[in-house]
């Protein structure tokens, strides 16, 4: 499923125009991204939890060239599925 497919489904089920559905979906996703960029945890009951995790800086070695590379510390988004999704996917 793509974002376009999701917008069409929201438009049909909520009896909205595609333009209004697109705005709703875009706003929803934008608010999740904004919260994550501020370091907040987003919990959607039954769906799951979005959070960020901090990874330390590290040095890796390329397998082919044996060359060392430094990777900077970074924060990455993570998703933990909720109970309902886990049961549905089984």
N, C-alpha and C. Protein backbone atom coordinates (compact mmCIF):
# COMPACT_ATOMS: atom_id res chain seq x y z
N UNK A 1 0.85 -1.17 0.00
CA UNK A 1 0.00 0.00 0.00
C UNK A 1 0.89 1.24 0.00
N UNK A 2 0.54 2.19 -0.83
CA UNK A 2 1.28 3.45 -0.90
C UNK A 2 0.47 4.55 -0.21
N UNK A 3 1.08 5.71 -0.07
CA UNK A 3 0.37 6.84 0.53
C UNK A 3 -0.83 7.22 -0.33
N UNK A 4 -0.67 7.12 -1.63
CA UNK A 4 -1.77 7.43 -2.55
C UNK A 4 -2.95 6.49 -2.32
N UNK A 5 -2.66 5.19 -2.14
CA UNK A 5 -3.71 4.21 -1.86
C UNK A 5 -4.41 4.54 -0.54
N UNK A 6 -3.63 4.90 0.45
CA UNK A 6 -4.17 5.24 1.76
C UNK A 6 -5.10 6.45 1.66
N UNK A 7 -4.69 7.44 0.90
CA UNK A 7 -5.52 8.64 0.72
C UNK A 7 -6.85 8.28 0.07
N UNK A 8 -6.82 7.41 -0.93
CA UNK A 8 -8.06 6.99 -1.59
C UNK A 8 -8.98 6.25 -0.63
N UNK A 9 -8.42 5.38 0.20
CA UNK A 9 -9.22 4.63 1.17
C UNK A 9 -9.84 5.57 2.19
N UNK A 10 -9.05 6.52 2.70
CA UNK A 10 -9.56 7.49 3.68
C UNK A 10 -10.67 8.32 3.05
N UNK A 11 -10.49 8.73 1.81
CA UNK A 11 -11.51 9.53 1.12
C UNK A 11 -12.82 8.75 1.00
N UNK A 12 -12.73 7.47 0.66
CA UNK A 12 -13.95 6.65 0.51
C UNK A 12 -14.63 6.40 1.85
N UNK A 13 -13.85 5.96 2.84
CA UNK A 13 -14.45 5.58 4.13
C UNK A 13 -14.94 6.77 4.94
N UNK A 14 -14.29 7.92 4.82
CA UNK A 14 -14.69 9.10 5.59
C UNK A 14 -15.61 10.02 4.78
N UNK A 15 -15.93 9.61 3.56
CA UNK A 15 -16.78 10.40 2.66
C UNK A 15 -16.22 11.81 2.49
N UNK A 16 -14.92 11.87 2.17
CA UNK A 16 -14.23 13.13 1.94
C UNK A 16 -13.77 13.21 0.50
N UNK A 17 -13.46 14.43 0.07
CA UNK A 17 -12.85 14.55 -1.25
C UNK A 17 -11.41 14.06 -1.13
N UNK A 18 -10.81 13.73 -2.26
CA UNK A 18 -9.42 13.27 -2.23
C UNK A 18 -8.49 14.36 -1.71
N UNK A 19 -8.83 15.60 -2.01
CA UNK A 19 -8.01 16.72 -1.55
C UNK A 19 -8.05 16.81 -0.02
N UNK A 20 -9.24 16.68 0.56
CA UNK A 20 -9.38 16.75 2.02
C UNK A 20 -8.72 15.54 2.68
N UNK A 21 -8.87 14.38 2.06
CA UNK A 21 -8.25 13.16 2.61
C UNK A 21 -6.73 13.27 2.56
N UNK A 22 -6.22 13.83 1.46
CA UNK A 22 -4.77 14.00 1.34
C UNK A 22 -4.26 14.94 2.42
N UNK A 23 -4.98 16.02 2.65
CA UNK A 23 -4.58 16.98 3.68
C UNK A 23 -4.61 16.33 5.06
N UNK A 24 -5.61 15.49 5.33
CA UNK A 24 -5.71 14.81 6.62
C UNK A 24 -4.55 13.83 6.83
N UNK A 25 -4.26 13.03 5.81
CA UNK A 25 -3.17 12.05 5.90
C UNK A 25 -1.83 12.77 6.04
N UNK A 26 -1.61 13.80 5.23
CA UNK A 26 -0.35 14.55 5.30
C UNK A 26 -0.18 15.20 6.67
N UNK A 27 -1.25 15.76 7.21
CA UNK A 27 -1.19 16.40 8.53
C UNK A 27 -0.86 15.38 9.62
N UNK A 28 -1.50 14.22 9.53
CA UNK A 28 -1.28 13.14 10.50
C UNK A 28 0.19 12.71 10.50
N UNK A 29 0.72 12.44 9.31
CA UNK A 29 2.10 11.99 9.20
C UNK A 29 3.08 13.10 9.61
N UNK A 30 2.76 14.33 9.26
CA UNK A 30 3.60 15.46 9.60
C UNK A 30 3.71 15.64 11.11
N UNK A 31 2.60 15.48 11.81
CA UNK A 31 2.61 15.62 13.27
C UNK A 31 3.41 14.51 13.94
N UNK A 32 3.34 13.30 13.39
CA UNK A 32 4.15 12.20 13.92
C UNK A 32 5.63 12.52 13.72
N UNK A 33 6.00 12.96 12.53
CA UNK A 33 7.40 13.28 12.25
C UNK A 33 7.89 14.44 13.12
N UNK A 34 7.05 15.44 13.32
CA UNK A 34 7.41 16.59 14.14
C UNK A 34 7.65 16.16 15.59
N UNK A 35 6.79 15.30 16.11
CA UNK A 35 6.94 14.82 17.49
C UNK A 35 8.23 14.01 17.63
N UNK A 36 8.52 13.16 16.66
CA UNK A 36 9.74 12.36 16.72
C UNK A 36 10.99 13.23 16.62
N UNK A 37 10.94 14.26 15.80
CA UNK A 37 12.10 15.14 15.67
C UNK A 37 12.35 15.92 16.96
N UNK A 38 11.30 16.11 17.77
CA UNK A 38 11.43 16.78 19.06
C UNK A 38 11.77 15.80 20.18
N UNK A 39 11.96 14.52 19.84
CA UNK A 39 12.33 13.52 20.84
C UNK A 39 11.15 12.95 21.62
N UNK A 40 9.93 13.23 21.18
CA UNK A 40 8.75 12.72 21.87
C UNK A 40 8.43 11.30 21.41
N UNK A 41 7.70 10.57 22.25
CA UNK A 41 7.22 9.24 21.92
C UNK A 41 5.78 9.37 21.45
N UNK A 42 5.42 8.70 20.34
CA UNK A 42 4.07 8.73 19.81
C UNK A 42 3.45 7.35 20.01
N UNK A 43 2.41 7.27 20.86
CA UNK A 43 1.73 6.00 21.14
C UNK A 43 0.35 6.04 20.51
N UNK A 44 0.08 5.10 19.64
CA UNK A 44 -1.23 4.96 19.02
C UNK A 44 -1.82 3.64 19.51
N UNK A 45 -2.79 3.73 20.39
CA UNK A 45 -3.36 2.56 21.04
C UNK A 45 -3.81 1.52 20.03
N UNK A 46 -3.33 0.29 20.19
CA UNK A 46 -3.68 -0.79 19.30
C UNK A 46 -2.83 -0.87 18.05
N UNK A 47 -2.19 0.23 17.68
CA UNK A 47 -1.37 0.25 16.46
C UNK A 47 0.10 0.08 16.77
N UNK A 48 0.60 0.87 17.72
CA UNK A 48 2.00 0.74 18.07
C UNK A 48 2.58 2.04 18.59
N UNK A 49 3.89 2.02 18.79
CA UNK A 49 4.60 3.15 19.35
C UNK A 49 5.76 3.54 18.44
N UNK A 50 5.86 4.83 18.18
CA UNK A 50 6.97 5.39 17.43
C UNK A 50 7.85 6.11 18.44
N UNK A 51 9.15 5.88 18.38
CA UNK A 51 10.09 6.57 19.25
C UNK A 51 11.42 6.68 18.54
N UNK A 52 12.33 7.41 19.13
CA UNK A 52 13.66 7.52 18.55
C UNK A 52 14.65 6.84 19.48
N UNK A 53 15.74 6.35 18.91
CA UNK A 53 16.78 5.70 19.68
C UNK A 53 18.11 6.33 19.30
N UNK A 54 18.91 6.60 20.31
CA UNK A 54 20.22 7.21 20.08
C UNK A 54 21.26 6.12 19.89
N UNK A 55 22.04 6.22 18.82
CA UNK A 55 23.12 5.29 18.54
C UNK A 55 24.44 6.03 18.73
N UNK A 56 25.38 5.38 19.43
CA UNK A 56 26.68 5.98 19.69
C UNK A 56 27.52 6.02 18.42
N UNK A 57 28.50 6.92 18.43
CA UNK A 57 29.46 6.98 17.33
C UNK A 57 30.30 5.70 17.37
N UNK A 58 30.69 5.22 16.21
CA UNK A 58 31.51 4.01 16.18
C UNK A 58 32.40 4.01 14.95
N UNK A 59 33.39 3.13 15.00
CA UNK A 59 34.30 2.94 13.87
C UNK A 59 34.03 1.56 13.29
N UNK A 60 33.86 1.51 11.97
CA UNK A 60 33.62 0.23 11.29
C UNK A 60 34.77 -0.02 10.31
N UNK A 61 34.90 -1.25 9.90
CA UNK A 61 35.92 -1.61 8.94
C UNK A 61 35.23 -2.21 7.72
N UNK A 62 35.50 -1.64 6.54
CA UNK A 62 34.92 -2.14 5.30
C UNK A 62 35.49 -3.54 5.01
N UNK A 63 34.63 -4.47 4.65
CA UNK A 63 35.04 -5.86 4.46
C UNK A 63 36.03 -6.00 3.30
N UNK A 64 35.73 -5.42 2.17
CA UNK A 64 36.58 -5.59 0.99
C UNK A 64 37.91 -4.87 1.06
N UNK A 65 37.87 -3.62 1.55
CA UNK A 65 39.09 -2.80 1.51
C UNK A 65 39.83 -2.76 2.84
N UNK A 66 39.23 -3.27 3.90
CA UNK A 66 39.80 -3.25 5.26
C UNK A 66 40.05 -1.80 5.74
N UNK A 67 39.36 -0.85 5.13
CA UNK A 67 39.52 0.56 5.46
C UNK A 67 38.60 0.92 6.63
N UNK A 68 39.09 1.68 7.58
CA UNK A 68 38.29 2.09 8.74
C UNK A 68 37.48 3.34 8.39
N UNK A 69 36.25 3.36 8.88
CA UNK A 69 35.36 4.50 8.67
C UNK A 69 34.72 4.85 9.99
N UNK A 70 34.56 6.14 10.25
CA UNK A 70 33.88 6.59 11.46
C UNK A 70 32.44 6.94 11.13
N UNK A 71 31.53 6.44 11.95
CA UNK A 71 30.12 6.77 11.81
C UNK A 71 29.75 7.65 13.01
N UNK A 72 29.18 8.81 12.74
CA UNK A 72 28.83 9.76 13.80
C UNK A 72 27.66 9.24 14.63
N UNK A 73 27.54 9.74 15.84
CA UNK A 73 26.39 9.42 16.69
C UNK A 73 25.14 9.96 15.99
N UNK A 74 24.04 9.23 16.13
CA UNK A 74 22.82 9.65 15.45
C UNK A 74 21.59 9.13 16.17
N UNK A 75 20.49 9.78 15.91
CA UNK A 75 19.20 9.38 16.45
C UNK A 75 18.39 8.81 15.30
N UNK A 76 17.81 7.63 15.50
CA UNK A 76 17.06 6.97 14.44
C UNK A 76 15.64 6.65 14.92
N UNK A 77 14.64 6.73 14.03
CA UNK A 77 13.27 6.38 14.43
C UNK A 77 13.10 4.87 14.55
N UNK A 78 12.25 4.46 15.46
CA UNK A 78 11.93 3.05 15.67
C UNK A 78 10.42 2.91 15.81
N UNK A 79 9.89 1.76 15.38
CA UNK A 79 8.47 1.46 15.51
C UNK A 79 8.32 0.14 16.24
N UNK A 80 7.50 0.14 17.29
CA UNK A 80 7.20 -1.09 18.03
C UNK A 80 5.72 -1.38 17.82
N UNK A 81 5.39 -2.49 17.14
CA UNK A 81 3.98 -2.77 16.85
C UNK A 81 3.17 -3.04 18.11
N UNK A 82 1.89 -2.67 18.06
CA UNK A 82 0.97 -2.91 19.17
C UNK A 82 0.44 -4.33 19.14
N UNK A 83 -0.27 -4.70 20.19
CA UNK A 83 -0.80 -6.06 20.34
C UNK A 83 -1.75 -6.44 19.21
N UNK A 84 -2.64 -5.53 18.84
CA UNK A 84 -3.63 -5.83 17.77
C UNK A 84 -2.93 -6.16 16.46
N UNK A 85 -1.91 -5.39 16.11
CA UNK A 85 -1.19 -5.64 14.86
C UNK A 85 -0.44 -6.96 14.93
N UNK A 86 0.18 -7.23 16.05
CA UNK A 86 0.90 -8.49 16.19
C UNK A 86 -0.02 -9.68 15.99
N UNK A 87 -1.25 -9.59 16.54
CA UNK A 87 -2.22 -10.69 16.40
C UNK A 87 -2.71 -10.81 14.96
N UNK A 88 -2.90 -9.68 14.28
CA UNK A 88 -3.41 -9.71 12.91
C UNK A 88 -2.39 -10.29 11.93
N UNK A 89 -1.12 -10.03 12.18
CA UNK A 89 -0.06 -10.43 11.24
C UNK A 89 0.27 -11.92 11.38
N UNK A 90 0.07 -12.48 12.53
CA UNK A 90 0.40 -13.88 12.75
C UNK A 90 -0.14 -14.79 11.73
